[in-house]
Amino acid sequence: KKLRVVEHLQELAEEADYLVLWLDCDLEGENIGFEVASVCSAVDYNNVFRARFSALTPIELQQAYRELERPDKFAALSVDARQELDLKIGVAFTRLITRAFLNQAKQKFPLRDVR
């Protein structure tokens, strides 16, 4: 069965005046929060908040609710930058290793002429 997460969030956003993001309190959580906010564009961005907590205890969650913050755009963008760097560095490293070991691989695994 196909999950309709995006569609479901959009439907809920149509009925909402505010959006409070309750996600992991790390950079990835911040990045996911901006993705959710973009999907829930029916909610005015001025009404989007972030709850910060590190434990699922009543005291911690109540404090997070009392001290809602604005999402950190730059923290979210840093995740995008790291992901792009990871991809580009990975591609470059793969090419470097391939070229470095290509001759050794050709010697170890010679291609036979199949006729």
Foldseek 3Di string as FASTA:
>chain_A
DDDPVLVVLCVVLLVDQAAEQEAAQALVSLLVLVVSCVSSVSHPLVRYWYFDFDDPDPVRRVVSVVDTHRRDPVSNVVVVVVVVVVVVVVVVVVVVVCVVCVVVCCVVDPDDDDD
